[in-house]
Amino acid sequence: MSNSDWQPPVFDPIRYCVFTTVAIIAWVFSPPVAVVLMSGMGLWAYVDAYRKGLRESKCLLRDPRIVMVYLALAFVAGITALVVMMIRLLP
């Protein structure tokens, strides 16, 4: 293997998967703002990593595409919950 064949390892943004799961658990005790933030950042990071070549994650779900679906669903659920909360606050 020559130097021209070497490629740096692709960053695995597993921490965002973990943080999103923790935020979903914390959702029981607080508004879903943390879920929206963590899942949004995680989704962005996983899309970027996937584009750069990540094909297996250390996340329990393993496949980055499945992780991205999980993060997207968490993001949509968080946004939906925030909108419902705001609608309930209207007079």
N, C-alpha and C. Protein backbone atom coordinates (compact mmCIF):
# COMPACT_ATOMS: atom_id res chain seq x y z
N MET A 1 0.85 -1.18 0.00
CA MET A 1 0.00 0.00 0.00
C MET A 1 0.89 1.24 0.00
N SER A 2 0.71 2.08 -0.98
CA SER A 2 1.52 3.29 -1.08
C SER A 2 0.86 4.44 -0.33
N ASN A 3 1.59 5.51 -0.19
CA ASN A 3 1.06 6.69 0.50
C ASN A 3 -0.15 7.26 -0.21
N SER A 4 -0.21 7.13 -1.54
CA SER A 4 -1.34 7.69 -2.28
C SER A 4 -2.64 6.91 -2.04
N ASP A 5 -2.53 5.63 -1.59
CA ASP A 5 -3.72 4.82 -1.30
C ASP A 5 -4.27 5.06 0.10
N TRP A 6 -3.48 5.65 0.96
CA TRP A 6 -3.90 5.83 2.35
C TRP A 6 -4.96 6.91 2.44
N GLN A 7 -6.01 6.62 3.21
CA GLN A 7 -7.05 7.61 3.48
C GLN A 7 -7.25 7.70 4.98
N PRO A 8 -7.44 8.91 5.50
CA PRO A 8 -7.64 9.03 6.95
C PRO A 8 -8.95 8.36 7.34
N PRO A 9 -9.04 7.87 8.58
CA PRO A 9 -10.30 7.25 9.02
C PRO A 9 -11.43 8.27 9.05
N VAL A 10 -12.62 7.80 8.77
CA VAL A 10 -13.79 8.67 8.75
C VAL A 10 -14.30 8.83 10.17
N PHE A 11 -14.62 10.05 10.53
CA PHE A 11 -15.15 10.38 11.85
C PHE A 11 -16.52 9.74 12.04
N ASP A 12 -16.70 9.01 13.14
CA ASP A 12 -17.98 8.40 13.48
C ASP A 12 -18.65 9.25 14.56
N PRO A 13 -19.72 9.97 14.22
CA PRO A 13 -20.36 10.87 15.19
C PRO A 13 -21.29 10.14 16.17
N ILE A 14 -20.84 9.03 16.73
CA ILE A 14 -21.67 8.23 17.62
C ILE A 14 -22.16 9.03 18.83
N ARG A 15 -21.38 9.98 19.27
CA ARG A 15 -21.78 10.74 20.47
C ARG A 15 -23.14 11.42 20.27
N TYR A 16 -23.46 11.82 19.03
CA TYR A 16 -24.75 12.45 18.77
C TYR A 16 -25.90 11.45 18.88
N CYS A 17 -25.65 10.24 18.49
CA CYS A 17 -26.65 9.18 18.64
C CYS A 17 -26.93 8.96 20.13
N VAL A 18 -25.86 8.90 20.91
CA VAL A 18 -25.99 8.70 22.36
C VAL A 18 -26.69 9.91 23.00
N PHE A 19 -26.26 11.12 22.63
CA PHE A 19 -26.85 12.32 23.21
C PHE A 19 -28.33 12.44 22.87
N THR A 20 -28.71 12.05 21.65
CA THR A 20 -30.12 12.09 21.26
C THR A 20 -30.93 11.12 22.11
N THR A 21 -30.40 9.94 22.33
CA THR A 21 -31.10 8.95 23.16
C THR A 21 -31.27 9.49 24.58
N VAL A 22 -30.23 10.09 25.12
CA VAL A 22 -30.32 10.68 26.47
C VAL A 22 -31.34 11.82 26.47
N ALA A 23 -31.36 12.62 25.42
CA ALA A 23 -32.33 13.73 25.34
C ALA A 23 -33.75 13.21 25.26
N ILE A 24 -33.97 12.11 24.55
CA ILE A 24 -35.31 11.52 24.48
C ILE A 24 -35.75 11.05 25.86
N ILE A 25 -34.83 10.44 26.59
CA ILE A 25 -35.15 10.01 27.96
C ILE A 25 -35.44 11.23 28.84
N ALA A 26 -34.66 12.29 28.67
CA ALA A 26 -34.86 13.50 29.47
C ALA A 26 -36.15 14.22 29.10
N TRP A 27 -36.70 13.95 27.93
CA TRP A 27 -37.93 14.56 27.45
C TRP A 27 -39.06 14.34 28.46
N VAL A 28 -39.00 13.28 29.20
CA VAL A 28 -40.02 12.98 30.21
C VAL A 28 -40.08 14.11 31.24
N PHE A 29 -38.94 14.74 31.51
CA PHE A 29 -38.85 15.73 32.58
C PHE A 29 -38.77 17.18 32.09
N SER A 30 -38.60 17.39 30.78
CA SER A 30 -38.42 18.75 30.28
C SER A 30 -38.96 18.87 28.86
N PRO A 31 -39.05 20.09 28.35
CA PRO A 31 -39.50 20.27 26.96
C PRO A 31 -38.52 19.60 25.99
N PRO A 32 -38.96 19.29 24.79
CA PRO A 32 -38.14 18.54 23.84
C PRO A 32 -37.08 19.36 23.10
N VAL A 33 -36.71 20.50 23.64
CA VAL A 33 -35.72 21.34 22.98
C VAL A 33 -34.39 20.58 22.81
N ALA A 34 -33.98 19.87 23.84
CA ALA A 34 -32.72 19.12 23.77
C ALA A 34 -32.78 18.05 22.68
N VAL A 35 -33.93 17.41 22.52
CA VAL A 35 -34.10 16.39 21.48
C VAL A 35 -33.92 17.02 20.10
N VAL A 36 -34.55 18.16 19.90
CA VAL A 36 -34.44 18.84 18.61
C VAL A 36 -32.99 19.24 18.33
N LEU A 37 -32.33 19.81 19.31
CA LEU A 37 -30.95 20.24 19.12
C LEU A 37 -30.01 19.07 18.87
N MET A 38 -30.06 18.06 19.73
CA MET A 38 -29.12 16.94 19.60
C MET A 38 -29.39 16.11 18.35
N SER A 39 -30.65 15.85 18.06
CA SER A 39 -30.93 15.04 16.87
C SER A 39 -30.61 15.82 15.59
N GLY A 40 -30.84 17.12 15.60
CA GLY A 40 -30.49 17.94 14.45
C GLY A 40 -28.99 17.96 14.21
N MET A 41 -28.22 18.18 15.27
CA MET A 41 -26.76 18.17 15.13
C MET A 41 -26.27 16.78 14.74
N GLY A 42 -26.85 15.75 15.34
CA GLY A 42 -26.45 14.39 15.01
C GLY A 42 -26.76 14.02 13.58
N LEU A 43 -27.94 14.41 13.12
CA LEU A 43 -28.31 14.13 11.73
C LEU A 43 -27.35 14.82 10.77
N TRP A 44 -27.04 16.07 11.04
CA TRP A 44 -26.09 16.80 10.21
C TRP A 44 -24.73 16.10 10.22
N ALA A 45 -24.26 15.70 11.40
CA ALA A 45 -22.94 15.05 11.51
C ALA A 45 -22.91 13.70 10.80
N TYR A 46 -23.98 12.92 10.94
CA TYR A 46 -24.01 11.62 10.28
C TYR A 46 -24.12 11.75 8.76
N VAL A 47 -24.89 12.70 8.27
CA VAL A 47 -24.96 12.92 6.82
C VAL A 47 -23.57 13.30 6.30
N ASP A 48 -22.90 14.18 6.99
CA ASP A 48 -21.56 14.59 6.60
C ASP A 48 -20.59 13.40 6.62
N ALA A 49 -20.63 12.63 7.69
CA ALA A 49 -19.74 11.47 7.80
C ALA A 49 -20.06 10.43 6.73
N TYR A 50 -21.34 10.23 6.44
CA TYR A 50 -21.73 9.27 5.41
C TYR A 50 -21.21 9.70 4.04
N ARG A 51 -21.31 10.98 3.77
CA ARG A 51 -20.79 11.51 2.50
C ARG A 51 -19.28 11.34 2.40
N LYS A 52 -18.61 11.36 3.56
CA LYS A 52 -17.15 11.20 3.57
C LYS A 52 -16.72 9.74 3.61
N GLY A 53 -17.69 8.81 3.66
CA GLY A 53 -17.32 7.41 3.56
C GLY A 53 -17.67 6.52 4.73
N LEU A 54 -18.28 7.04 5.78
CA LEU A 54 -18.65 6.20 6.92
C LEU A 54 -19.71 5.20 6.47
N ARG A 55 -19.42 3.92 6.62
CA ARG A 55 -20.37 2.88 6.21
C ARG A 55 -20.76 1.96 7.35
N GLU A 56 -20.10 2.12 8.51
CA GLU A 56 -20.49 1.37 9.69
C GLU A 56 -20.22 2.23 10.91
N SER A 57 -21.22 2.36 11.76
CA SER A 57 -21.13 3.19 12.95
C SER A 57 -20.92 2.31 14.18
N LYS A 58 -20.37 2.90 15.21
CA LYS A 58 -20.24 2.20 16.48
C LYS A 58 -21.54 2.23 17.27
N CYS A 59 -22.51 2.99 16.77
CA CYS A 59 -23.83 3.07 17.38
C CYS A 59 -24.47 1.69 17.37
N LEU A 60 -25.34 1.43 18.30
CA LEU A 60 -26.04 0.14 18.39
C LEU A 60 -26.72 -0.23 17.08
N LEU A 61 -27.18 0.75 16.34
CA LEU A 61 -27.88 0.50 15.09
C LEU A 61 -26.94 0.13 13.93
N ARG A 62 -25.66 0.37 14.09
CA ARG A 62 -24.59 0.02 13.16
C ARG A 62 -24.61 0.73 11.80
N ASP A 63 -25.68 0.60 11.05
CA ASP A 63 -25.74 1.18 9.71
C ASP A 63 -26.04 2.68 9.82
N PRO A 64 -25.17 3.54 9.30
CA PRO A 64 -25.40 4.99 9.41
C PRO A 64 -26.73 5.44 8.82
N ARG A 65 -27.22 4.75 7.80
CA ARG A 65 -28.50 5.13 7.21
C ARG A 65 -29.63 4.91 8.21
N ILE A 66 -29.57 3.84 8.97
CA ILE A 66 -30.58 3.57 10.00
C ILE A 66 -30.46 4.59 11.12
N VAL A 67 -29.23 4.93 11.48
CA VAL A 67 -29.00 5.95 12.51
C VAL A 67 -29.58 7.28 12.06
N MET A 68 -29.40 7.62 10.78
CA MET A 68 -29.94 8.88 10.26
C MET A 68 -31.47 8.88 10.29
N VAL A 69 -32.09 7.74 10.01
CA VAL A 69 -33.55 7.66 10.10
C VAL A 69 -34.00 7.85 11.55
N TYR A 70 -33.30 7.21 12.48
CA TYR A 70 -33.60 7.36 13.91
C TYR A 70 -33.50 8.83 14.33
N LEU A 71 -32.41 9.48 13.94
CA LEU A 71 -32.21 10.88 14.30
C LEU A 71 -33.25 11.79 13.64
N ALA A 72 -33.60 11.50 12.39
CA ALA A 72 -34.62 12.30 11.70
C ALA A 72 -35.98 12.14 12.37
N LEU A 73 -36.32 10.92 12.77
CA LEU A 73 -37.60 10.70 13.47
C LEU A 73 -37.62 11.42 14.81
N ALA A 74 -36.51 11.38 15.53
CA ALA A 74 -36.42 12.10 16.81
C ALA A 74 -36.56 13.60 16.59
N PHE A 75 -35.94 14.11 15.53
CA PHE A 75 -36.03 15.54 15.22
C PHE A 75 -37.46 15.94 14.91
N VAL A 76 -38.12 15.18 14.05
CA VAL A 76 -39.51 15.48 13.68
C VAL A 76 -40.43 15.38 14.90
N ALA A 77 -40.22 14.36 15.73
CA ALA A 77 -41.04 14.22 16.94
C ALA A 77 -40.84 15.41 17.88
N GLY A 78 -39.60 15.84 18.03
CA GLY A 78 -39.31 16.99 18.89
C GLY A 78 -39.93 18.28 18.37
N ILE A 79 -39.80 18.52 17.08
CA ILE A 79 -40.41 19.71 16.47
C ILE A 79 -41.93 19.66 16.62
N THR A 80 -42.51 18.50 16.37
CA THR A 80 -43.96 18.34 16.50
C THR A 80 -44.41 18.64 17.93
N ALA A 81 -43.67 18.10 18.90
CA ALA A 81 -44.02 18.34 20.30
C ALA A 81 -43.90 19.82 20.66
N LEU A 82 -42.87 20.48 20.14
CA LEU A 82 -42.72 21.91 20.42
C LEU A 82 -43.87 22.71 19.82
N VAL A 83 -44.28 22.37 18.60
CA VAL A 83 -45.40 23.08 17.97
C VAL A 83 -46.67 22.84 18.76
N VAL A 84 -46.93 21.62 19.18
CA VAL A 84 -48.13 21.33 19.97
C VAL A 84 -48.10 22.11 21.29
N MET A 85 -46.93 22.17 21.93
CA MET A 85 -46.81 22.92 23.19
C MET A 85 -47.12 24.40 22.95
N MET A 86 -46.62 24.96 21.87
CA MET A 86 -46.85 26.38 21.58
C MET A 86 -48.31 26.65 21.26
N ILE A 87 -48.94 25.73 20.54
CA ILE A 87 -50.37 25.89 20.21
C ILE A 87 -51.19 25.88 21.49
N ARG A 88 -50.83 25.03 22.43
CA ARG A 88 -51.56 24.96 23.71
C ARG A 88 -51.39 26.24 24.53
N LEU A 89 -50.29 26.94 24.31
CA LEU A 89 -50.06 28.19 25.05
C LEU A 89 -50.84 29.37 24.50
N LEU A 90 -51.31 29.25 23.25
CA LEU A 90 -52.09 30.33 22.65
C LEU A 90 -53.45 30.43 23.34
N PRO A 91 -53.95 31.66 23.49
CA PRO A 91 -55.25 31.83 24.15
C PRO A 91 -56.40 31.35 23.30
